[in-house]
């Protein structure tokens, strides 16, 4: 049977990247508000309004998923660190 290898750096990158995605999704609404005045014609503005309203609804769902995956990644990272520390102590007879 093979050994389990955990790439702690990769887990940290995943946590960091998910945090960045989360912050971007949270600030997305601010970007939409700033852009409303540059759409030009009423037809384009109306289409963009429909799109952003729909996007707002779905963005919240995606944001919840990103938060959940981020929490899971953090939990996995912390659990492996804790397990590694415990195994190290057991091997040293502590």
Protein backbone atom coordinates (compact mmCIF):
# COMPACT_ATOMS: atom_id res chain seq x y z
CA UNK A 1 0.00 0.00 0.00
CA UNK A 2 1.33 3.47 -0.88
CA UNK A 3 1.93 6.34 1.49
CA UNK A 4 -0.43 9.26 1.67
CA UNK A 5 1.29 12.47 0.57
CA UNK A 6 -0.20 15.87 1.29
CA UNK A 7 0.94 18.94 -0.61
CA UNK A 8 0.54 21.62 2.06
CA UNK A 9 1.69 24.39 -0.28
CA UNK A 10 -0.99 23.39 -2.78
CA UNK A 11 -3.64 23.41 -0.06
CA UNK A 12 -2.52 26.92 0.94
CA UNK A 13 -2.73 28.07 -2.68
CA UNK A 14 -6.24 26.62 -2.97
CA UNK A 15 -7.33 28.40 0.22
CA UNK A 16 -5.78 31.69 -0.95
CA UNK A 17 -7.27 31.45 -4.45
CA UNK A 18 -10.74 30.63 -3.14
CA UNK A 19 -10.46 33.63 -0.82
CA UNK A 20 -9.65 35.84 -3.82
CA UNK A 21 -12.59 34.44 -5.80
CA UNK A 22 -14.87 34.98 -2.79
CA UNK A 23 -13.79 38.62 -2.42
CA UNK A 24 -14.26 39.24 -6.15
CA UNK A 25 -17.78 37.80 -6.08
CA UNK A 26 -18.60 39.87 -3.00
CA UNK A 27 -17.42 43.10 -4.65
CA UNK A 28 -18.95 42.31 -8.04
CA UNK A 29 -22.09 44.31 -7.31
CA UNK A 30 -20.02 47.46 -6.78
CA UNK A 31 -18.50 47.03 -10.25
CA UNK A 32 -21.94 46.62 -11.80
CA UNK A 33 -23.21 49.83 -10.19
CA UNK A 34 -20.24 51.83 -11.48
CA UNK A 35 -20.79 50.59 -15.04
CA UNK A 36 -24.51 51.37 -15.29
CA UNK A 37 -23.93 54.89 -16.63
CA UNK A 38 -21.72 53.88 -19.58
CA UNK A 39 -24.05 51.47 -21.38
CA UNK A 40 -25.31 54.13 -23.77
CA UNK A 41 -28.59 53.41 -25.53
CA UNK A 42 -31.68 52.39 -23.64
CA UNK A 43 -31.77 49.00 -25.37
CA UNK A 44 -28.24 48.16 -24.27
CA UNK A 45 -28.86 49.53 -20.78
CA UNK A 46 -32.06 47.45 -20.47
CA UNK A 47 -30.28 44.29 -21.67
CA UNK A 48 -27.42 44.85 -19.24
CA UNK A 49 -29.90 45.50 -16.43
CA UNK A 50 -31.61 42.17 -17.16
CA UNK A 51 -28.24 40.43 -17.27
CA UNK A 52 -26.97 41.93 -14.02
CA UNK A 53 -30.23 41.19 -12.20
CA UNK A 54 -30.02 37.56 -13.29
CA UNK A 55 -26.29 37.48 -12.51
CA UNK A 56 -26.93 38.87 -9.00
CA UNK A 57 -29.23 35.95 -8.23
CA UNK A 58 -26.84 33.31 -9.52
CA UNK A 59 -23.74 35.04 -8.14
CA UNK A 60 -25.10 34.59 -4.62
CA UNK A 61 -25.49 30.85 -5.22
CA UNK A 62 -21.97 30.56 -6.64
CA UNK A 63 -20.59 32.63 -3.76
CA UNK A 64 -22.13 30.23 -1.23
CA UNK A 65 -20.52 27.30 -3.06
CA UNK A 66 -17.13 29.05 -3.14
CA UNK A 67 -17.40 29.77 0.59
CA UNK A 68 -18.29 26.15 1.29
CA UNK A 69 -15.40 24.75 -0.76
CA UNK A 70 -13.03 27.24 0.89
CA UNK A 71 -14.13 26.12 4.33
CA UNK A 72 -13.67 22.47 3.33
CA UNK A 73 -10.18 23.15 1.96
CA UNK A 74 -9.23 24.93 5.17
CA UNK A 75 -10.63 22.09 7.26
CA UNK A 76 -8.70 19.48 5.24
CA UNK A 77 -5.51 21.51 5.56
CA UNK A 78 -5.88 21.92 9.33
CA UNK A 79 -6.84 18.26 9.81
CA UNK A 80 -3.79 17.02 7.94
CA UNK A 81 -1.52 19.38 9.88
CA UNK A 82 -2.99 18.14 13.15
CA UNK A 83 -2.66 14.49 12.08
CA UNK A 84 0.93 15.01 10.94
CA UNK A 85 1.83 16.62 14.27
CA UNK A 86 0.19 13.78 16.21
CA UNK A 87 2.01 11.12 14.16
CA UNK A 88 5.30 12.95 14.62
CA UNK A 89 4.79 13.02 18.38
CA UNK A 90 3.90 9.31 18.43
CA UNK A 91 6.99 8.41 16.42
CA UNK A 92 9.14 10.37 18.86
CA UNK A 93 7.44 8.64 21.80
CA UNK A 94 6.06 11.90 23.18
